[in-house]
């Protein structure tokens, strides 16, 4: 299994575009489009048709995706945006490593 740079539930910071400087948790990864959906970042309004009693119609605000190249994960130890490296562990598995401080970014 390949080690991705960003995973679901990571805390990331937006480094480019209209939302630059905002941080949030990754909600979804869209691998085929190289995009990511981040909690409360890049909010857009969409018109929704009513779908019965449970889902009334109206204007709904939701998160839109951002390209992966515009976000960087935040290291848990140094609490700064960091590039991600890889390291082989003793058990043979690959793990993500912070390039800034050298700390593992994955919980092993």
Protein backbone atom coordinates (compact mmCIF):
# COMPACT_ATOMS: atom_id res chain seq x y z
CA UNK A 1 0.00 0.00 0.00
CA UNK A 2 1.38 3.37 -0.99
CA UNK A 3 1.77 6.06 1.66
CA UNK A 4 -0.13 9.19 0.66
CA UNK A 5 0.94 12.67 1.60
CA UNK A 6 -2.47 13.61 3.03
CA UNK A 7 -5.04 11.33 4.63
CA UNK A 8 -8.56 11.63 6.00
CA UNK A 9 -8.77 13.31 9.44
CA UNK A 10 -5.39 15.08 8.98
CA UNK A 11 -5.22 18.74 9.95
CA UNK A 12 -4.08 20.77 6.96
CA UNK A 13 -3.44 24.40 6.05
CA UNK A 14 -4.33 25.99 2.71
CA UNK A 15 -1.19 27.53 1.18
CA UNK A 16 -2.59 28.99 -2.05
CA UNK A 17 -5.76 30.49 -3.45
CA UNK A 18 -8.66 32.46 -2.03
CA UNK A 19 -8.72 30.44 1.21
CA UNK A 20 -4.98 30.81 1.91
CA UNK A 21 -4.07 30.60 5.61
CA UNK A 22 -7.16 28.68 6.74
CA UNK A 23 -6.80 25.37 8.55
CA UNK A 24 -9.20 22.48 8.92
CA UNK A 25 -9.68 18.73 9.11
CA UNK A 26 -9.77 16.64 5.93
CA UNK A 27 -13.27 15.25 5.41
CA UNK A 28 -12.82 13.44 2.08
CA UNK A 29 -10.14 12.65 -0.47
CA UNK A 30 -11.04 12.55 -4.16
CA UNK A 31 -8.13 10.44 -5.44
CA UNK A 32 -9.16 10.34 -9.10
CA UNK A 33 -9.30 14.17 -9.25
CA UNK A 34 -6.36 14.88 -6.88
CA UNK A 35 -8.62 17.01 -4.69
CA UNK A 36 -9.49 17.20 -1.01
CA UNK A 37 -12.54 18.45 0.95
CA UNK A 38 -11.66 20.35 4.14
CA UNK A 39 -14.03 21.13 7.01
CA UNK A 40 -15.41 24.73 6.86
CA UNK A 41 -13.01 25.76 4.04
CA UNK A 42 -14.01 26.82 0.49
CA UNK A 43 -17.72 27.10 1.33
CA UNK A 44 -20.11 27.38 -1.64
CA UNK A 45 -23.89 27.80 -1.88
CA UNK A 46 -25.97 25.27 -3.79
CA UNK A 47 -29.68 25.24 -4.54
CA UNK A 48 -31.31 22.02 -3.33
CA UNK A 49 -34.63 20.60 -4.38
CA UNK A 50 -36.91 19.37 -1.59
CA UNK A 51 -36.68 15.59 -1.03
CA UNK A 52 -39.56 14.90 1.32
CA UNK A 53 -39.98 15.82 4.98
CA UNK A 54 -36.41 14.94 6.04
CA UNK A 55 -34.70 17.16 3.46
CA UNK A 56 -36.41 20.47 2.75
CA UNK A 57 -35.32 22.55 -0.22
CA UNK A 58 -33.46 25.83 -0.16
CA UNK A 59 -29.99 27.23 -0.46
CA UNK A 60 -27.48 24.93 1.21
CA UNK A 61 -23.91 25.89 2.14
CA UNK A 62 -21.35 23.11 1.80
CA UNK A 63 -17.62 22.57 1.37
CA UNK A 64 -16.17 22.44 -2.14
CA UNK A 65 -12.97 20.58 -2.96
CA UNK A 66 -9.48 22.10 -3.19
CA UNK A 67 -6.58 20.76 -5.24
CA UNK A 68 -4.08 18.69 -3.25
CA UNK A 69 -1.17 20.89 -4.32
CA UNK A 70 -2.74 23.83 -2.44
CA UNK A 71 -2.66 22.21 1.01
CA UNK A 72 0.05 21.10 3.44
CA UNK A 73 -0.41 18.85 6.47
CA UNK A 74 0.31 20.31 9.89
CA UNK A 75 2.76 18.34 12.03
CA UNK A 76 1.41 17.34 15.43
CA UNK A 77 4.73 17.90 17.20
CA UNK A 78 6.05 21.17 15.77
CA UNK A 79 2.52 22.47 14.98
CA UNK A 80 3.66 23.98 11.67
CA UNK A 81 2.98 23.14 8.02
CA UNK A 82 5.44 20.49 6.90
CA UNK A 83 6.40 18.55 3.83
CA UNK A 84 5.99 14.82 4.20
CA UNK A 85 8.71 12.20 3.86
CA UNK A 86 8.66 8.42 4.23
CA UNK A 87 10.46 6.10 6.59
CA UNK A 88 10.49 2.32 6.85
CA UNK A 89 9.68 1.09 10.34
CA UNK A 90 11.18 -1.97 12.05
CA UNK A 91 8.11 -4.04 11.16
CA UNK A 92 8.59 -3.25 7.45
CA UNK A 93 5.70 -0.81 7.07
CA UNK A 94 6.15 2.66 5.57
CA UNK A 95 5.19 5.66 7.68
CA UNK A 96 4.88 9.39 7.01
CA UNK A 97 7.52 11.62 8.57
CA UNK A 98 7.61 15.39 9.12
CA UNK A 99 10.48 16.86 7.10
CA UNK A 100 10.74 19.79 9.51
CA UNK A 101 11.27 17.96 12.82
CA UNK A 102 11.61 14.27 11.82
CA UNK A 103 8.64 13.12 13.95
CA UNK A 104 6.32 10.34 12.72
CA UNK A 105 2.99 11.73 11.49
CA UNK A 106 1.22 8.36 11.63
CA UNK A 107 0.02 6.73 14.81
CA UNK A 108 1.69 3.32 14.78
